[in-house]
Amino acid sequence: FGLCTFSDHQKLYIQDMPEKSEPGSIPQTIECVIDDSDLIDYVKPGDRIRLIGVYRTQAATRRVISSSVSCRFSTVLLVNHMVKIGAGGIGKSGMKGDELSLSASEIKQIKKISKRKDVFSLIAASVIPSIYGHEFIKKAIVLLLFGGVAKNLENGTHLRGDINVLMIGDPS
């Protein structure tokens, strides 16, 4: 005994930031392994982070399928430094996340769009523009994203403002 040492580690899966990826494209995912006990549980799902580490391949897995051999290499990022960015951390502008604000021209443009009669259809058309059609599904996604309003009725009933959407279909 005494020949083994145990240490905490954590696996993370990071994705591209949606605003930096091409419209309609699927974000790429990278598996990350954290062995530094100071960094474990530092982030939670949804946090925006900047990672520094070693990007390396894992050992190949061999599979024999009907007389042909396929080798597959997987990659992993071994994390040795992590910084939160965006809200609560330092963002690309160098300001704290809660200090970021819209410019006057952006506010003017938002107000201009809000006065249009077809604003709902316009926003729905901007959801996944690379997929043609499916207007009702896109409108349902817009309603889901904007959410509803919670209400307390006179009889004491509480109505949640959450909108739920169940989509069933072939993902391909």
C-alpha atoms as a PDB file:
ATOM      1  CA  PHE A   1       0.000   0.000   0.000  1.00  0.00           C
ATOM      2  CA  GLY A   2       1.080   3.613  -0.194  1.00  0.00           C
ATOM      3  CA  LEU A   3       2.019   3.360  -3.873  1.00  0.00           C
ATOM      4  CA  CYS A   4      -1.103   5.152  -5.124  1.00  0.00           C
ATOM      5  CA  THR A   5      -2.078   8.782  -4.771  1.00  0.00           C
ATOM      6  CA  PHE A   6      -5.577  10.035  -5.398  1.00  0.00           C
ATOM      7  CA  SER A   7      -6.385  13.524  -6.588  1.00  0.00           C
ATOM      8  CA  ASP A   8      -9.493  15.425  -7.541  1.00  0.00           C
ATOM      9  CA  HIS A   9     -10.103  16.208 -11.169  1.00  0.00           C
ATOM     10  CA  GLN A  10     -12.968  17.677 -13.165  1.00  0.00           C
ATOM     11  CA  LYS A  11     -14.082  17.389 -16.777  1.00  0.00           C
ATOM     12  CA  LEU A  12     -15.551  20.361 -18.601  1.00  0.00           C
ATOM     13  CA  TYR A  13     -16.966  20.607 -22.071  1.00  0.00           C
ATOM     14  CA  ILE A  14     -16.543  24.044 -23.610  1.00  0.00           C
ATOM     15  CA  GLN A  15     -18.243  25.421 -26.721  1.00  0.00           C
ATOM     16  CA  ASP A  16     -17.763  28.345 -29.074  1.00  0.00           C
ATOM     17  CA  MET A  17     -19.473  31.555 -28.048  1.00  0.00           C
ATOM     18  CA  PRO A  18     -22.710  31.816 -30.062  1.00  0.00           C
ATOM     19  CA  GLU A  19     -22.062  35.428 -31.079  1.00  0.00           C
ATOM     20  CA  LYS A  20     -18.666  34.497 -32.539  1.00  0.00           C
ATOM     21  CA  SER A  21     -19.810  31.486 -34.576  1.00  0.00           C
ATOM     22  CA  GLU A  22     -21.312  31.533 -38.047  1.00  0.00           C
ATOM     23  CA  PRO A  23     -25.119  31.908 -38.177  1.00  0.00           C
ATOM     24  CA  GLY A  24     -26.832  28.526 -38.254  1.00  0.00           C
ATOM     25  CA  SER A  25     -23.664  26.573 -37.525  1.00  0.00           C
ATOM     26  CA  ILE A  26     -23.293  24.058 -34.712  1.00  0.00           C
ATOM     27  CA  PRO A  27     -20.856  25.175 -31.978  1.00  0.00           C
ATOM     28  CA  GLN A  28     -17.727  23.050 -31.665  1.00  0.00           C
ATOM     29  CA  THR A  29     -17.173  21.263 -28.334  1.00  0.00           C
ATOM     30  CA  ILE A  30     -13.831  20.509 -26.671  1.00  0.00           C
ATOM     31  CA  GLU A  31     -13.328  18.247 -23.667  1.00  0.00           C
ATOM     32  CA  CYS A  32     -11.212  19.824 -20.910  1.00  0.00           C
ATOM     33  CA  VAL A  33      -9.649  18.137 -17.895  1.00  0.00           C
ATOM     34  CA  ILE A  34      -8.751  20.062 -14.746  1.00  0.00           C
ATOM     35  CA  ASP A  35      -6.286  18.447 -12.330  1.00  0.00           C
ATOM     36  CA  ASP A  36      -5.411  21.577 -10.319  1.00  0.00           C
ATOM     37  CA  SER A  37      -7.376  21.447  -7.064  1.00  0.00           C
ATOM     38  CA  ASP A  38      -7.574  25.271  -6.951  1.00  0.00           C
ATOM     39  CA  LEU A  39      -9.501  25.366 -10.244  1.00  0.00           C
ATOM     40  CA  ILE A  40     -11.954  22.540  -9.524  1.00  0.00           C
ATOM     41  CA  ASP A  41     -15.532  23.834  -9.097  1.00  0.00           C
ATOM     42  CA  TYR A  42     -14.364  27.361 -10.019  1.00  0.00           C
ATOM     43  CA  VAL A  43     -16.938  27.598 -12.818  1.00  0.00           C
ATOM     44  CA  LYS A  44     -20.504  26.421 -13.300  1.00  0.00           C
ATOM     45  CA  PRO A  45     -22.450  25.592 -16.489  1.00  0.00           C
ATOM     46  CA  GLY A  46     -23.106  28.717 -18.547  1.00  0.00           C
ATOM     47  CA  ASP A  47     -20.080  30.688 -17.318  1.00  0.00           C
ATOM     48  CA  ARG A  48     -17.904  32.297 -19.964  1.00  0.00           C
ATOM     49  CA  ILE A  49     -14.282  31.475 -19.381  1.00  0.00           C
ATOM     50  CA  ARG A  50     -10.852  31.814 -20.958  1.00  0.00           C
ATOM     51  CA  LEU A  51      -8.674  28.725 -20.604  1.00  0.00           C
ATOM     52  CA  ILE A  52      -4.969  28.124 -20.961  1.00  0.00           C
ATOM     53  CA  GLY A  53      -3.642  24.617 -21.179  1.00  0.00           C
ATOM     54  CA  VAL A  54      -2.058  21.881 -23.219  1.00  0.00           C
ATOM     55  CA  TYR A  55      -4.061  20.611 -26.200  1.00  0.00           C
ATOM     56  CA  ARG A  56      -3.174  16.988 -26.834  1.00  0.00           C
ATOM     57  CA  THR A  57      -4.446  13.790 -28.356  1.00  0.00           C
ATOM     58  CA  GLN A  58      -5.546  10.781 -26.351  1.00  0.00           C
ATOM     59  CA  ALA A  59      -4.522   7.241 -27.182  1.00  0.00           C
ATOM     60  CA  ALA A  60      -6.241   5.851 -30.241  1.00  0.00           C
ATOM     61  CA  THR A  61      -9.117   3.428 -29.960  1.00  0.00           C
ATOM     62  CA  ARG A  62      -9.189   0.593 -32.465  1.00  0.00           C
ATOM     63  CA  ARG A  63     -12.437  -0.846 -33.692  1.00  0.00           C
ATOM     64  CA  VAL A  64     -12.777  -3.727 -36.077  1.00  0.00           C
ATOM     65  CA  ILE A  65     -15.906  -3.472 -38.168  1.00  0.00           C
ATOM     66  CA  SER A  66     -16.501  -6.118 -40.828  1.00  0.00           C
ATOM     67  CA  SER A  67     -12.884  -6.749 -41.791  1.00  0.00           C
ATOM     68  CA  SER A  68     -11.817  -3.080 -41.695  1.00  0.00           C
ATOM     69  CA  VAL A  69      -9.942  -1.416 -38.859  1.00  0.00           C
ATOM     70  CA  SER A  70     -10.690   2.176 -37.892  1.00  0.00           C
ATOM     71  CA  CYS A  71      -8.577   4.220 -35.500  1.00  0.00           C
ATOM     72  CA  ARG A  72     -10.033   7.254 -33.823  1.00  0.00           C
ATOM     73  CA  PHE A  73      -8.020   9.856 -31.954  1.00  0.00           C
ATOM     74  CA  SER A  74      -9.709  12.072 -29.413  1.00  0.00           C
ATOM     75  CA  THR A  75      -8.340  15.388 -28.232  1.00  0.00           C
ATOM     76  CA  VAL A  76      -8.449  16.968 -24.802  1.00  0.00           C
ATOM     77  CA  LEU A  77      -7.346  20.265 -23.267  1.00  0.00           C
ATOM     78  CA  LEU A  78      -5.384  19.815 -20.018  1.00  0.00           C
ATOM     79  CA  VAL A  79      -6.245  23.063 -18.215  1.00  0.00           C
ATOM     80  CA  ASN A  80      -3.679  24.828 -16.033  1.00  0.00           C
ATOM     81  CA  HIS A  81      -5.180  28.357 -15.905  1.00  0.00           C
ATOM     82  CA  MET A  82      -8.750  29.677 -16.036  1.00  0.00           C
ATOM     83  CA  VAL A  83     -10.289  33.180 -15.974  1.00  0.00           C
ATOM     84  CA  LYS A  84     -13.990  34.082 -15.993  1.00  0.00           C
ATOM     85  CA  ILE A  85     -14.965  36.621 -18.652  1.00  0.00           C
ATOM     86  CA  GLY A  86     -18.174  38.548 -19.368  1.00  0.00           C
ATOM     87  CA  ALA A  87     -20.623  39.288 -16.551  1.00  0.00           C
ATOM     88  CA  GLY A  88     -18.757  39.601 -13.278  1.00  0.00           C
ATOM     89  CA  GLY A  89     -15.377  39.189 -14.964  1.00  0.00           C
ATOM     90  CA  ILE A  90     -13.242  41.134 -17.381  1.00  0.00           C
ATOM     91  CA  GLY A  91     -14.690  41.187 -20.890  1.00  0.00           C
ATOM     92  CA  LYS A  92     -13.193  42.119 -24.245  1.00  0.00           C
ATOM     93  CA  SER A  93     -13.681  45.845 -23.568  1.00  0.00           C
ATOM     94  CA  GLY A  94     -11.729  45.666 -20.311  1.00  0.00           C
ATOM     95  CA  MET A  95     -14.757  46.791 -18.305  1.00  0.00           C
ATOM     96  CA  LYS A  96     -16.608  44.814 -15.655  1.00  0.00           C
ATOM     97  CA  GLY A  97     -19.514  42.811 -17.140  1.00  0.00           C
ATOM     98  CA  ASP A  98     -22.243  44.711 -15.311  1.00  0.00           C
ATOM     99  CA  GLU A  99     -20.856  48.045 -16.553  1.00  0.00           C
ATOM    100  CA  LEU A 100     -21.381  47.181 -20.223  1.00  0.00           C
ATOM    101  CA  SER A 101     -24.150  49.115 -21.900  1.00  0.00           C
ATOM    102  CA  LEU A 102     -25.707  49.757 -25.299  1.00  0.00           C
ATOM    103  CA  SER A 103     -24.529  52.660 -27.402  1.00  0.00           C
ATOM    104  CA  ALA A 104     -26.908  55.464 -28.399  1.00  0.00           C
ATOM    105  CA  SER A 105     -27.040  54.221 -32.003  1.00  0.00           C
ATOM    106  CA  GLU A 106     -27.924  50.682 -30.848  1.00  0.00           C
ATOM    107  CA  ILE A 107     -30.748  52.012 -28.652  1.00  0.00           C
ATOM    108  CA  LYS A 108     -32.014  54.126 -31.580  1.00  0.00           C
ATOM    109  CA  GLN A 109     -31.975  51.078 -33.875  1.00  0.00           C
ATOM    110  CA  ILE A 110     -33.824  48.919 -31.302  1.00  0.00           C
ATOM    111  CA  LYS A 111     -36.532  51.581 -30.902  1.00  0.00           C
ATOM    112  CA  LYS A 112     -36.854  51.866 -34.696  1.00  0.00           C
ATOM    113  CA  ILE A 113     -37.335  48.098 -35.065  1.00  0.00           C
ATOM    114  CA  SER A 114     -39.810  47.989 -32.155  1.00  0.00           C
ATOM    115  CA  LYS A 115     -42.162  50.359 -34.020  1.00  0.00           C
ATOM    116  CA  ARG A 116     -42.453  47.999 -37.017  1.00  0.00           C
ATOM    117  CA  LYS A 117     -45.707  46.069 -37.359  1.00  0.00           C
ATOM    118  CA  ASP A 118     -43.867  42.891 -38.421  1.00  0.00           C
ATOM    119  CA  VAL A 119     -41.358  42.867 -35.544  1.00  0.00           C
ATOM    120  CA  PHE A 120     -42.416  39.381 -34.386  1.00  0.00           C
ATOM    121  CA  SER A 121     -41.994  37.899 -37.885  1.00  0.00           C
ATOM    122  CA  LEU A 122     -38.717  39.786 -38.344  1.00  0.00           C
ATOM    123  CA  ILE A 123     -37.232  38.355 -35.145  1.00  0.00           C
ATOM    124  CA  ALA A 124     -38.570  34.865 -35.971  1.00  0.00           C
ATOM    125  CA  ALA A 125     -36.987  35.048 -39.434  1.00  0.00           C
ATOM    126  CA  SER A 126     -33.622  35.886 -37.839  1.00  0.00           C
ATOM    127  CA  VAL A 127     -33.672  32.650 -35.780  1.00  0.00           C
ATOM    128  CA  ILE A 128     -31.505  30.014 -37.510  1.00  0.00           C
ATOM    129  CA  PRO A 129     -31.470  31.804 -40.884  1.00  0.00           C
ATOM    130  CA  SER A 130     -29.615  28.926 -42.545  1.00  0.00           C
ATOM    131  CA  ILE A 131     -32.719  26.697 -42.150  1.00  0.00           C
ATOM    132  CA  TYR A 132     -35.420  27.579 -44.659  1.00  0.00           C
ATOM    133  CA  GLY A 133     -39.076  27.558 -43.618  1.00  0.00           C
ATOM    134  CA  HIS A 134     -40.441  26.250 -40.312  1.00  0.00           C
ATOM    135  CA  GLU A 135     -41.915  29.667 -39.435  1.00  0.00           C
ATOM    136  CA  PHE A 136     -44.136  28.321 -36.631  1.00  0.00           C
ATOM    137  CA  ILE A 137     -41.218  26.548 -34.951  1.00  0.00           C
ATOM    138  CA  LYS A 138     -39.072  29.692 -35.199  1.00  0.00           C
ATOM    139  CA  LYS A 139     -41.883  31.795 -33.706  1.00  0.00           C
ATOM    140  CA  ALA A 140     -42.206  29.290 -30.845  1.00  0.00           C
ATOM    141  CA  ILE A 141     -38.466  29.593 -30.186  1.00  0.00           C
ATOM    142  CA  VAL A 142     -38.752  33.404 -30.133  1.00  0.00           C
ATOM    143  CA  LEU A 143     -41.596  33.212 -27.603  1.00  0.00           C
ATOM    144  CA  LEU A 144     -39.531  30.797 -25.519  1.00  0.00           C
ATOM    145  CA  LEU A 145     -36.512  33.118 -25.571  1.00  0.00           C
ATOM    146  CA  PHE A 146     -38.472  36.225 -24.580  1.00  0.00           C
ATOM    147  CA  GLY A 147     -40.543  34.355 -21.999  1.00  0.00           C
ATOM    148  CA  GLY A 148     -43.834  35.284 -20.484  1.00  0.00           C
ATOM    149  CA  VAL A 149     -44.991  37.320 -17.508  1.00  0.00           C
ATOM    150  CA  ALA A 150     -45.661  35.722 -14.133  1.00  0.00           C
ATOM    151  CA  LYS A 151     -49.061  36.655 -12.701  1.00  0.00           C
ATOM    152  CA  ASN A 152     -50.652  36.442  -9.275  1.00  0.00           C
ATOM    153  CA  LEU A 153     -54.449  36.183  -9.601  1.00  0.00           C
ATOM    154  CA  GLU A 154     -56.936  37.592  -7.100  1.00  0.00           C
ATOM    155  CA  ASN A 155     -57.834  34.096  -5.853  1.00  0.00           C
ATOM    156  CA  GLY A 156     -54.185  33.511  -4.844  1.00  0.00           C
ATOM    157  CA  THR A 157     -53.240  31.380  -7.844  1.00  0.00           C
ATOM    158  CA  HIS A 158     -49.737  31.947  -9.181  1.00  0.00           C
ATOM    159  CA  LEU A 159     -49.225  31.542 -12.938  1.00  0.00           C
ATOM    160  CA  ARG A 160     -45.638  30.992 -14.007  1.00  0.00           C
ATOM    161  CA  GLY A 161     -44.357  33.076 -16.892  1.00  0.00           C
ATOM    162  CA  ASP A 162     -42.164  30.297 -18.229  1.00  0.00           C
ATOM    163  CA  ILE A 163     -42.943  29.033 -21.713  1.00  0.00           C
ATOM    164  CA  ASN A 164     -42.071  25.422 -22.485  1.00  0.00           C
ATOM    165  CA  VAL A 165     -41.540  24.059 -25.975  1.00  0.00           C
ATOM    166  CA  LEU A 166     -41.301  20.389 -26.906  1.00  0.00           C
ATOM    167  CA  MET A 167     -39.949  19.738 -30.395  1.00  0.00           C
ATOM    168  CA  ILE A 168     -39.982  16.220 -31.734  1.00  0.00           C
ATOM    169  CA  GLY A 169     -38.468  15.286 -35.042  1.00  0.00           C
ATOM    170  CA  ASP A 170     -35.551  13.929 -36.983  1.00  0.00           C
ATOM    171  CA  PRO A 171     -32.424  15.944 -36.079  1.00  0.00           C
ATOM    172  CA  SER A 172     -30.759  15.344 -39.426  1.00  0.00           C
END
